[in-house]
C-alpha atoms as a PDB file:
ATOM      1  CA  UNK A   1      22.560  95.313  -8.720  1.00  0.00           C
ATOM      2  CA  UNK A   2      26.003  94.099  -9.623  1.00  0.00           C
ATOM      3  CA  UNK A   3      26.846  92.196 -12.740  1.00  0.00           C
ATOM      4  CA  UNK A   4      28.913  89.106 -12.323  1.00  0.00           C
ATOM      5  CA  UNK A   5      31.906  88.476 -14.516  1.00  0.00           C
ATOM      6  CA  UNK A   6      31.426  84.723 -14.188  1.00  0.00           C
ATOM      7  CA  UNK A   7      30.982  82.946 -17.487  1.00  0.00           C
ATOM      8  CA  UNK A   8      30.562  79.373 -18.544  1.00  0.00           C
ATOM      9  CA  UNK A   9      30.410  77.507 -21.814  1.00  0.00           C
ATOM     10  CA  UNK A  10      26.839  76.742 -22.845  1.00  0.00           C
ATOM     11  CA  UNK A  11      27.705  73.084 -23.485  1.00  0.00           C
ATOM     12  CA  UNK A  12      28.699  72.694 -19.809  1.00  0.00           C
ATOM     13  CA  UNK A  13      25.462  74.325 -18.670  1.00  0.00           C
ATOM     14  CA  UNK A  14      23.277  72.007 -20.738  1.00  0.00           C
ATOM     15  CA  UNK A  15      25.388  68.964 -19.876  1.00  0.00           C
ATOM     16  CA  UNK A  16      24.708  69.509 -16.182  1.00  0.00           C
ATOM     17  CA  UNK A  17      21.214  70.991 -16.152  1.00  0.00           C
ATOM     18  CA  UNK A  18      19.583  69.862 -19.359  1.00  0.00           C
ATOM     19  CA  UNK A  19      16.568  71.796 -20.615  1.00  0.00           C
ATOM     20  CA  UNK A  20      13.042  72.287 -19.359  1.00  0.00           C
ATOM     21  CA  UNK A  21      10.247  72.313 -21.933  1.00  0.00           C
ATOM     22  CA  UNK A  22      12.474  70.948 -24.693  1.00  0.00           C
ATOM     23  CA  UNK A  23       9.266  70.101 -26.576  1.00  0.00           C
ATOM     24  CA  UNK A  24       8.784  73.829 -27.196  1.00  0.00           C
ATOM     25  CA  UNK A  25      12.208  74.077 -28.822  1.00  0.00           C
ATOM     26  CA  UNK A  26      11.485  71.047 -31.020  1.00  0.00           C
ATOM     27  CA  UNK A  27       8.123  72.540 -31.995  1.00  0.00           C
ATOM     28  CA  UNK A  28       9.732  75.838 -33.028  1.00  0.00           C
ATOM     29  CA  UNK A  29      12.531  74.160 -34.984  1.00  0.00           C
ATOM     30  CA  UNK A  30      10.182  71.809 -36.844  1.00  0.00           C
ATOM     31  CA  UNK A  31       7.969  74.666 -37.926  1.00  0.00           C
ATOM     32  CA  UNK A  32      10.994  76.766 -38.876  1.00  0.00           C
ATOM     33  CA  UNK A  33      12.270  73.966 -41.125  1.00  0.00           C
ATOM     34  CA  UNK A  34       8.800  73.475 -42.598  1.00  0.00           C
ATOM     35  CA  UNK A  35       8.419  77.140 -43.529  1.00  0.00           C
ATOM     36  CA  UNK A  36      11.990  77.219 -44.867  1.00  0.00           C
ATOM     37  CA  UNK A  37      11.256  74.332 -47.211  1.00  0.00           C
ATOM     38  CA  UNK A  38       7.967  75.945 -48.206  1.00  0.00           C
ATOM     39  CA  UNK A  39       9.692  79.217 -49.082  1.00  0.00           C
ATOM     40  CA  UNK A  40      12.263  77.321 -51.190  1.00  0.00           C
ATOM     41  CA  UNK A  41       9.434  75.589 -53.046  1.00  0.00           C
ATOM     42  CA  UNK A  42       7.831  78.964 -53.704  1.00  0.00           C
ATOM     43  CA  UNK A  43      11.127  80.116 -55.207  1.00  0.00           C
ATOM     44  CA  UNK A  44      11.835  77.003 -57.282  1.00  0.00           C
ATOM     45  CA  UNK A  45       8.303  76.616 -58.587  1.00  0.00           C
ATOM     46  CA  UNK A  46       7.344  80.259 -58.771  1.00  0.00           C
ATOM     47  CA  UNK A  47       5.864  79.940 -62.270  1.00  0.00           C
ATOM     48  CA  UNK A  48       3.661  77.050 -61.217  1.00  0.00           C
ATOM     49  CA  UNK A  49       2.533  78.975 -58.128  1.00  0.00           C
ATOM     50  CA  UNK A  50       1.860  81.999 -60.331  1.00  0.00           C
ATOM     51  CA  UNK A  51      -0.318  79.963 -62.675  1.00  0.00           C
ATOM     52  CA  UNK A  52      -2.164  78.484 -59.701  1.00  0.00           C
ATOM     53  CA  UNK A  53      -3.067  81.936 -58.425  1.00  0.00           C
ATOM     54  CA  UNK A  54      -3.873  83.064 -61.963  1.00  0.00           C
ATOM     55  CA  UNK A  55      -6.720  80.537 -62.063  1.00  0.00           C
ATOM     56  CA  UNK A  56      -8.387  82.506 -59.241  1.00  0.00           C
ATOM     57  CA  UNK A  57      -7.201  86.011 -60.151  1.00  0.00           C
ATOM     58  CA  UNK A  58      -7.924  87.377 -63.614  1.00  0.00           C
ATOM     59  CA  UNK A  59      -5.087  89.920 -63.523  1.00  0.00           C
ATOM     60  CA  UNK A  60      -1.576  88.516 -64.175  1.00  0.00           C
ATOM     61  CA  UNK A  61      -0.106  91.297 -62.023  1.00  0.00           C
ATOM     62  CA  UNK A  62      -2.329  90.379 -59.088  1.00  0.00           C
ATOM     63  CA  UNK A  63      -1.464  86.682 -59.464  1.00  0.00           C
ATOM     64  CA  UNK A  64       2.266  87.446 -59.569  1.00  0.00           C
ATOM     65  CA  UNK A  65       1.925  89.670 -56.490  1.00  0.00           C
ATOM     66  CA  UNK A  66       0.019  86.962 -54.613  1.00  0.00           C
ATOM     67  CA  UNK A  67       2.676  84.360 -55.446  1.00  0.00           C
ATOM     68  CA  UNK A  68       5.506  86.673 -54.413  1.00  0.00           C
ATOM     69  CA  UNK A  69       3.695  87.740 -51.263  1.00  0.00           C
ATOM     70  CA  UNK A  70       3.094  84.110 -50.271  1.00  0.00           C
ATOM     71  CA  UNK A  71       6.763  83.278 -50.734  1.00  0.00           C
ATOM     72  CA  UNK A  72       7.850  86.328 -48.732  1.00  0.00           C
ATOM     73  CA  UNK A  73       5.511  85.489 -45.862  1.00  0.00           C
ATOM     74  CA  UNK A  74       6.769  81.900 -45.621  1.00  0.00           C
ATOM     75  CA  UNK A  75      10.406  83.065 -45.700  1.00  0.00           C
ATOM     76  CA  UNK A  76       9.821  85.708 -43.008  1.00  0.00           C
ATOM     77  CA  UNK A  77       7.945  83.156 -40.900  1.00  0.00           C
ATOM     78  CA  UNK A  78      10.895  80.769 -41.129  1.00  0.00           C
ATOM     79  CA  UNK A  79      13.330  83.490 -40.024  1.00  0.00           C
ATOM     80  CA  UNK A  80      11.109  84.477 -37.084  1.00  0.00           C
ATOM     81  CA  UNK A  81      10.730  80.869 -35.982  1.00  0.00           C
ATOM     82  CA  UNK A  82      14.480  80.229 -36.159  1.00  0.00           C
ATOM     83  CA  UNK A  83      15.063  83.401 -34.122  1.00  0.00           C
ATOM     84  CA  UNK A  84      12.469  82.316 -31.549  1.00  0.00           C
ATOM     85  CA  UNK A  85      14.074  78.879 -31.263  1.00  0.00           C
ATOM     86  CA  UNK A  86      17.519  80.447 -30.809  1.00  0.00           C
ATOM     87  CA  UNK A  87      16.219  82.834 -28.138  1.00  0.00           C
ATOM     88  CA  UNK A  88      14.464  79.995 -26.315  1.00  0.00           C
ATOM     89  CA  UNK A  89      17.631  77.875 -26.391  1.00  0.00           C
ATOM     90  CA  UNK A  90      19.741  80.795 -25.143  1.00  0.00           C
ATOM     91  CA  UNK A  91      17.254  81.792 -22.448  1.00  0.00           C
ATOM     92  CA  UNK A  92      16.911  78.280 -21.022  1.00  0.00           C
ATOM     93  CA  UNK A  93      20.660  77.870 -20.470  1.00  0.00           C
ATOM     94  CA  UNK A  94      23.283  80.606 -20.894  1.00  0.00           C
ATOM     95  CA  UNK A  95      20.965  83.531 -20.084  1.00  0.00           C
ATOM     96  CA  UNK A  96      19.479  81.752 -17.078  1.00  0.00           C
ATOM     97  CA  UNK A  97      22.985  81.037 -15.799  1.00  0.00           C
ATOM     98  CA  UNK A  98      24.094  84.642 -16.373  1.00  0.00           C
ATOM     99  CA  UNK A  99      21.015  86.060 -14.649  1.00  0.00           C
ATOM    100  CA  UNK A 100      21.605  83.718 -11.703  1.00  0.00           C
ATOM    101  CA  UNK A 101      25.071  85.250 -11.307  1.00  0.00           C
ATOM    102  CA  UNK A 102      23.575  88.736 -11.441  1.00  0.00           C
ATOM    103  CA  UNK A 103      21.004  87.832  -8.814  1.00  0.00           C
ATOM    104  CA  UNK A 104      23.705  86.472  -6.529  1.00  0.00           C
ATOM    105  CA  UNK A 105      25.725  89.643  -7.108  1.00  0.00           C
ATOM    106  CA  UNK A 106      22.813  91.840  -6.018  1.00  0.00           C
ATOM    107  CA  UNK A 107      23.232  90.601  -2.420  1.00  0.00           C
ATOM    108  CA  UNK A 108      26.026  92.654  -0.885  1.00  0.00           C
ATOM    109  CA  UNK A 109      27.209  90.407   1.950  1.00  0.00           C
ATOM    110  CA  UNK A 110      26.858  86.639   1.758  1.00  0.00           C
ATOM    111  CA  UNK A 111      29.121  86.024   4.740  1.00  0.00           C
ATOM    112  CA  UNK A 112      26.240  86.839   7.113  1.00  0.00           C
ATOM    113  CA  UNK A 113      23.703  84.661   5.287  1.00  0.00           C
ATOM    114  CA  UNK A 114      22.758  81.563   7.269  1.00  0.00           C
ATOM    115  CA  UNK A 115      19.641  80.503   5.376  1.00  0.00           C
ATOM    116  CA  UNK A 116      18.540  81.274   1.831  1.00  0.00           C
ATOM    117  CA  UNK A 117      15.486  80.120  -0.121  1.00  0.00           C
ATOM    118  CA  UNK A 118      15.056  79.560  -3.860  1.00  0.00           C
ATOM    119  CA  UNK A 119      11.350  79.473  -4.764  1.00  0.00           C
ATOM    120  CA  UNK A 120      10.669  77.309  -7.801  1.00  0.00           C
ATOM    121  CA  UNK A 121      14.221  75.983  -7.929  1.00  0.00           C
ATOM    122  CA  UNK A 122      13.603  73.835 -11.024  1.00  0.00           C
ATOM    123  CA  UNK A 123      16.821  72.429 -12.458  1.00  0.00           C
ATOM    124  CA  UNK A 124      18.872  74.245  -9.817  1.00  0.00           C
ATOM    125  CA  UNK A 125      20.795  76.841 -11.847  1.00  0.00           C
ATOM    126  CA  UNK A 126      20.046  79.664  -9.391  1.00  0.00           C
ATOM    127  CA  UNK A 127      20.033  77.354  -6.383  1.00  0.00           C
ATOM    128  CA  UNK A 128      23.554  76.142  -7.132  1.00  0.00           C
ATOM    129  CA  UNK A 129      24.747  79.681  -7.864  1.00  0.00           C
ATOM    130  CA  UNK A 130      23.662  80.668  -4.350  1.00  0.00           C
ATOM    131  CA  UNK A 131      25.278  77.549  -2.867  1.00  0.00           C
ATOM    132  CA  UNK A 132      28.508  78.280  -4.759  1.00  0.00           C
ATOM    133  CA  UNK A 133      28.557  81.809  -3.357  1.00  0.00           C
ATOM    134  CA  UNK A 134      28.057  80.479   0.182  1.00  0.00           C
ATOM    135  CA  UNK A 135      30.934  78.073  -0.395  1.00  0.00           C
ATOM    136  CA  UNK A 136      33.200  80.840  -1.715  1.00  0.00           C
ATOM    137  CA  UNK A 137      32.621  83.018   1.343  1.00  0.00           C
ATOM    138  CA  UNK A 138      33.311  80.121   3.688  1.00  0.00           C
ATOM    139  CA  UNK A 139      29.831  80.446   5.125  1.00  0.00           C
ATOM    140  CA  UNK A 140      28.192  77.737   7.181  1.00  0.00           C
ATOM    141  CA  UNK A 141      24.875  78.726   5.660  1.00  0.00           C
ATOM    142  CA  UNK A 142      22.561  76.606   3.529  1.00  0.00           C
ATOM    143  CA  UNK A 143      20.138  77.237   0.711  1.00  0.00           C
ATOM    144  CA  UNK A 144      16.756  75.541   0.481  1.00  0.00           C
ATOM    145  CA  UNK A 145      15.269  74.818  -2.925  1.00  0.00           C
ATOM    146  CA  UNK A 146      11.480  74.597  -3.035  1.00  0.00           C
ATOM    147  CA  UNK A 147       9.594  73.118  -5.973  1.00  0.00           C
ATOM    148  CA  UNK A 148       6.200  71.622  -6.737  1.00  0.00           C
ATOM    149  CA  UNK A 149       7.258  68.025  -7.309  1.00  0.00           C
ATOM    150  CA  UNK A 150       9.532  65.551  -5.544  1.00  0.00           C
ATOM    151  CA  UNK A 151      10.879  64.372  -8.895  1.00  0.00           C
ATOM    152  CA  UNK A 152      12.232  67.852  -9.625  1.00  0.00           C
ATOM    153  CA  UNK A 153      13.827  68.242  -6.208  1.00  0.00           C
ATOM    154  CA  UNK A 154      15.638  64.892  -6.514  1.00  0.00           C
ATOM    155  CA  UNK A 155      16.997  65.908  -9.912  1.00  0.00           C
ATOM    156  CA  UNK A 156      18.096  69.239  -8.471  1.00  0.00           C
ATOM    157  CA  UNK A 157      20.020  67.548  -5.666  1.00  0.00           C
ATOM    158  CA  UNK A 158      21.922  65.545  -8.292  1.00  0.00           C
ATOM    159  CA  UNK A 159      23.002  68.728 -10.079  1.00  0.00           C
ATOM    160  CA  UNK A 160      24.139  70.196  -6.745  1.00  0.00           C
ATOM    161  CA  UNK A 161      26.372  67.189  -6.181  1.00  0.00           C
ATOM    162  CA  UNK A 162      27.792  67.530  -9.691  1.00  0.00           C
ATOM    163  CA  UNK A 163      28.586  71.196  -8.956  1.00  0.00           C
ATOM    164  CA  UNK A 164      30.296  70.209  -5.703  1.00  0.00           C
ATOM    165  CA  UNK A 165      27.901  72.126  -3.451  1.00  0.00           C
ATOM    166  CA  UNK A 166      25.661  69.292  -2.279  1.00  0.00           C
ATOM    167  CA  UNK A 167      26.463  69.947   1.389  1.00  0.00           C
ATOM    168  CA  UNK A 168      25.080  73.483   1.076  1.00  0.00           C
ATOM    169  CA  UNK A 169      21.780  72.496  -0.553  1.00  0.00           C
ATOM    170  CA  UNK A 170      18.499  71.141   0.757  1.00  0.00           C
ATOM    171  CA  UNK A 171      15.484  70.543  -1.473  1.00  0.00           C
ATOM    172  CA  UNK A 172      11.861  69.948  -0.640  1.00  0.00           C
ATOM    173  CA  UNK A 173       8.511  70.016  -2.356  1.00  0.00           C
ATOM    174  CA  UNK A 174       5.785  72.401  -1.276  1.00  0.00           C
ATOM    175  CA  UNK A 175       3.133  74.922  -2.242  1.00  0.00           C
ATOM    176  CA  UNK A 176       4.716  78.273  -3.068  1.00  0.00           C
ATOM    177  CA  UNK A 177       1.425  80.025  -2.279  1.00  0.00           C
ATOM    178  CA  UNK A 178       1.678  78.837   1.311  1.00  0.00           C
ATOM    179  CA  UNK A 179       5.359  78.390   2.094  1.00  0.00           C
ATOM    180  CA  UNK A 180       6.047  75.663   4.693  1.00  0.00           C
ATOM    181  CA  UNK A 181       8.295  77.928   6.760  1.00  0.00           C
ATOM    182  CA  UNK A 182       7.806  80.240   9.714  1.00  0.00           C
ATOM    183  CA  UNK A 183       7.831  84.023   9.655  1.00  0.00           C
ATOM    184  CA  UNK A 184      11.182  85.828   9.425  1.00  0.00           C
ATOM    185  CA  UNK A 185      13.018  82.594   8.625  1.00  0.00           C
ATOM    186  CA  UNK A 186      15.410  83.359   5.726  1.00  0.00           C
ATOM    187  CA  UNK A 187      18.158  85.928   5.232  1.00  0.00           C
ATOM    188  CA  UNK A 188      17.772  85.833   1.435  1.00  0.00           C
ATOM    189  CA  UNK A 189      14.875  84.747  -0.785  1.00  0.00           C
ATOM    190  CA  UNK A 190      15.311  84.408  -4.568  1.00  0.00           C
ATOM    191  CA  UNK A 191      13.270  83.183  -7.518  1.00  0.00           C
ATOM    192  CA  UNK A 192      14.052  82.952 -11.241  1.00  0.00           C
ATOM    193  CA  UNK A 193      11.473  82.812 -14.074  1.00  0.00           C
ATOM    194  CA  UNK A 194       8.958  81.055 -11.865  1.00  0.00           C
ATOM    195  CA  UNK A 195       6.409  83.382 -10.259  1.00  0.00           C
ATOM    196  CA  UNK A 196       4.678  84.067 -13.605  1.00  0.00           C
ATOM    197  CA  UNK A 197       3.762  80.366 -13.807  1.00  0.00           C
ATOM    198  CA  UNK A 198       1.747  80.484 -10.577  1.00  0.00           C
ATOM    199  CA  UNK A 199      -1.999  80.638 -11.139  1.00  0.00           C
ATOM    200  CA  UNK A 200      -1.839  79.600 -14.792  1.00  0.00           C
ATOM    201  CA  UNK A 201      -4.766  77.278 -14.204  1.00  0.00           C
ATOM    202  CA  UNK A 202      -6.886  80.441 -14.108  1.00  0.00           C
ATOM    203  CA  UNK A 203      -5.364  81.853 -17.316  1.00  0.00           C
ATOM    204  CA  UNK A 204      -2.335  84.164 -17.499  1.00  0.00           C
ATOM    205  CA  UNK A 205      -4.267  87.437 -17.778  1.00  0.00           C
ATOM    206  CA  UNK A 206      -7.044  86.839 -15.269  1.00  0.00           C
ATOM    207  CA  UNK A 207      -7.603  88.587 -11.955  1.00  0.00           C
ATOM    208  CA  UNK A 208      -7.384  85.232 -10.186  1.00  0.00           C
ATOM    209  CA  UNK A 209      -3.941  84.485 -11.659  1.00  0.00           C
ATOM    210  CA  UNK A 210      -2.665  87.929 -10.701  1.00  0.00           C
ATOM    211  CA  UNK A 211      -3.941  87.417  -7.159  1.00  0.00           C
ATOM    212  CA  UNK A 212      -2.062  84.103  -6.926  1.00  0.00           C
ATOM    213  CA  UNK A 213       1.184  85.750  -8.056  1.00  0.00           C
ATOM    214  CA  UNK A 214       0.750  88.519  -5.493  1.00  0.00           C
ATOM    215  CA  UNK A 215       0.128  85.861  -2.874  1.00  0.00           C
ATOM    216  CA  UNK A 216       3.530  84.331  -3.649  1.00  0.00           C
ATOM    217  CA  UNK A 217       5.202  87.727  -3.224  1.00  0.00           C
ATOM    218  CA  UNK A 218       3.460  88.132   0.115  1.00  0.00           C
ATOM    219  CA  UNK A 219       4.793  84.743   1.193  1.00  0.00           C
ATOM    220  CA  UNK A 220       8.312  85.728   0.124  1.00  0.00           C
ATOM    221  CA  UNK A 221       8.115  88.822   2.301  1.00  0.00           C
ATOM    222  CA  UNK A 222       6.611  86.878   5.210  1.00  0.00           C
ATOM    223  CA  UNK A 223       9.445  84.331   5.440  1.00  0.00           C
ATOM    224  CA  UNK A 224      12.157  86.950   4.903  1.00  0.00           C
ATOM    225  CA  UNK A 225      13.915  88.209   8.022  1.00  0.00           C
ATOM    226  CA  UNK A 226      13.837  91.942   8.808  1.00  0.00           C
ATOM    227  CA  UNK A 227      16.787  93.412   6.925  1.00  0.00           C
ATOM    228  CA  UNK A 228      16.816  90.415   4.558  1.00  0.00           C
ATOM    229  CA  UNK A 229      17.063  90.704   0.782  1.00  0.00           C
ATOM    230  CA  UNK A 230      14.730  89.352  -1.892  1.00  0.00           C
ATOM    231  CA  UNK A 231      15.584  89.053  -5.599  1.00  0.00           C
ATOM    232  CA  UNK A 232      13.136  88.039  -8.333  1.00  0.00           C
ATOM    233  CA  UNK A 233      13.807  87.630 -12.052  1.00  0.00           C
ATOM    234  CA  UNK A 234      10.638  87.063 -13.994  1.00  0.00           C
ATOM    235  CA  UNK A 235       8.739  87.602 -17.221  1.00  0.00           C
ATOM    236  CA  UNK A 236       6.069  90.173 -18.083  1.00  0.00           C
ATOM    237  CA  UNK A 237       4.599  90.898 -14.639  1.00  0.00           C
ATOM    238  CA  UNK A 238       7.479  92.669 -12.860  1.00  0.00           C
ATOM    239  CA  UNK A 239       5.708  96.089 -12.786  1.00  0.00           C
ATOM    240  CA  UNK A 240       2.902  94.401 -10.826  1.00  0.00           C
ATOM    241  CA  UNK A 241       5.482  92.945  -8.448  1.00  0.00           C
ATOM    242  CA  UNK A 242       6.981  96.384  -7.865  1.00  0.00           C
ATOM    243  CA  UNK A 243       3.579  97.840  -6.989  1.00  0.00           C
ATOM    244  CA  UNK A 244       2.911  94.967  -4.599  1.00  0.00           C
ATOM    245  CA  UNK A 245       6.306  95.382  -2.928  1.00  0.00           C
ATOM    246  CA  UNK A 246       5.572  99.080  -2.470  1.00  0.00           C
ATOM    247  CA  UNK A 247       2.253  98.202  -0.834  1.00  0.00           C
ATOM    248  CA  UNK A 248       4.134  95.859   1.488  1.00  0.00           C
ATOM    249  CA  UNK A 249       6.479  98.747   2.413  1.00  0.00           C
ATOM    250  CA  UNK A 250       9.653  97.093   1.165  1.00  0.00           C
ATOM    251  CA  UNK A 251      12.793  99.230   0.977  1.00  0.00           C
ATOM    252  CA  UNK A 252      15.511  99.772  -1.625  1.00  0.00           C
ATOM    253  CA  UNK A 253      13.407  98.380  -4.504  1.00  0.00           C
ATOM    254  CA  UNK A 254      15.582  98.205  -7.614  1.00  0.00           C
ATOM    255  CA  UNK A 255      14.531  97.220 -11.127  1.00  0.00           C
ATOM    256  CA  UNK A 256      17.061  96.113 -13.740  1.00  0.00           C
ATOM    257  CA  UNK A 257      17.101  96.911 -17.440  1.00  0.00           C
ATOM    258  CA  UNK A 258      14.854  94.990 -19.793  1.00  0.00           C
ATOM    259  CA  UNK A 259      16.170  91.593 -20.890  1.00  0.00           C
ATOM    260  CA  UNK A 260      14.507  89.551 -23.638  1.00  0.00           C
ATOM    261  CA  UNK A 261      14.014  86.035 -22.325  1.00  0.00           C
ATOM    262  CA  UNK A 262      11.886  83.287 -23.838  1.00  0.00           C
ATOM    263  CA  UNK A 263      10.831  85.805 -26.509  1.00  0.00           C
ATOM    264  CA  UNK A 264       9.243  88.231 -24.036  1.00  0.00           C
ATOM    265  CA  UNK A 265      10.329  91.068 -21.757  1.00  0.00           C
ATOM    266  CA  UNK A 266      11.900  90.240 -18.401  1.00  0.00           C
ATOM    267  CA  UNK A 267      13.324  92.247 -15.515  1.00  0.00           C
ATOM    268  CA  UNK A 268      15.059  91.584 -12.235  1.00  0.00           C
ATOM    269  CA  UNK A 269      13.766  93.291  -9.097  1.00  0.00           C
ATOM    270  CA  UNK A 270      15.499  93.310  -5.741  1.00  0.00           C
ATOM    271  CA  UNK A 271      14.256  94.643  -2.417  1.00  0.00           C
ATOM    272  CA  UNK A 272      15.046  94.696   1.284  1.00  0.00           C
ATOM    273  CA  UNK A 273      12.638  93.981   4.113  1.00  0.00           C
ATOM    274  CA  UNK A 274      12.763  96.891   6.545  1.00  0.00           C
ATOM    275  CA  UNK A 275      14.103  96.258  10.022  1.00  0.00           C
ATOM    276  CA  UNK A 276      11.176  98.263  11.369  1.00  0.00           C
ATOM    277  CA  UNK A 277       7.698  98.904   9.992  1.00  0.00           C
ATOM    278  CA  UNK A 278       7.687 102.027   7.801  1.00  0.00           C
ATOM    279  CA  UNK A 279       4.544 103.964   6.960  1.00  0.00           C
ATOM    280  CA  UNK A 280       5.914 106.086   4.123  1.00  0.00           C
ATOM    281  CA  UNK A 281       5.989 105.076   0.429  1.00  0.00           C
ATOM    282  CA  UNK A 282       8.903 103.072  -0.890  1.00  0.00           C
ATOM    283  CA  UNK A 283      11.282 104.436  -3.485  1.00  0.00           C
ATOM    284  CA  UNK A 284      11.848 102.507  -6.706  1.00  0.00           C
ATOM    285  CA  UNK A 285      15.261 102.802  -8.361  1.00  0.00           C
ATOM    286  CA  UNK A 286      15.923 101.913 -11.964  1.00  0.00           C
ATOM    287  CA  UNK A 287      19.410 100.445 -12.020  1.00  0.00           C
ATOM    288  CA  UNK A 288      20.747 100.330 -15.578  1.00  0.00           C
ATOM    289  CA  UNK A 289      24.198  99.015 -14.623  1.00  0.00           C
ATOM    290  CA  UNK A 290      23.127  95.351 -14.556  1.00  0.00           C
END
């Protein structure tokens, strides 16, 4: 998996693509400010807090420890919440953009790509990265962005026009668990921080949710042409994806280094659909050069 040298200012990224789930960022920041103010109050009014605890604890030492411990916990909570908010903000924009470039770079030859698919295209960061690469290579190919809602796909088309790649992009709504495309249809299939959201109605850790995620992987393989390349960047469940890809006899399975995104572990996995059916086990390569 190659690492792209492309970079972009985070203000440009957010100006074009905005932010999904901005309510989460607001929630984290509000609580971070609340705990910061609470820790300052503990510091400024430590004696009053000490006397408050002393009414419940007979030992002055125990009361002083309780007051100090309470202040320390609120301060540490504020720091953790600010860090979480910063990581969420970074992951939603700059990191997502950087990982999109890496995913594009993991496909060796874009000049032969006629059709690509982005599953769960969302705001279009990865979708437009693929379209930009097609434009750079002078390809006549197109990339299809698939999402759950028509509102999202219309917004994504607007970002493609802003990026100057509108003629390379098509968007449509559809069910990712039953892709509305024929077998062996796409040269490249990609997906970024999306597959883990499939099946959440059953709960994230349930057998039913895991089965739904595996179903999406099976659909990715189904619509991929023999010799085509798939690239998935996702949270938490990538080891399960690797096992499923091995079961499906995919070739050249590569797993990137761990990247912290949205406060959890994430990895990128790429694979190639064999030109012929292979009975032997697939080899998994850990590529730390990403």
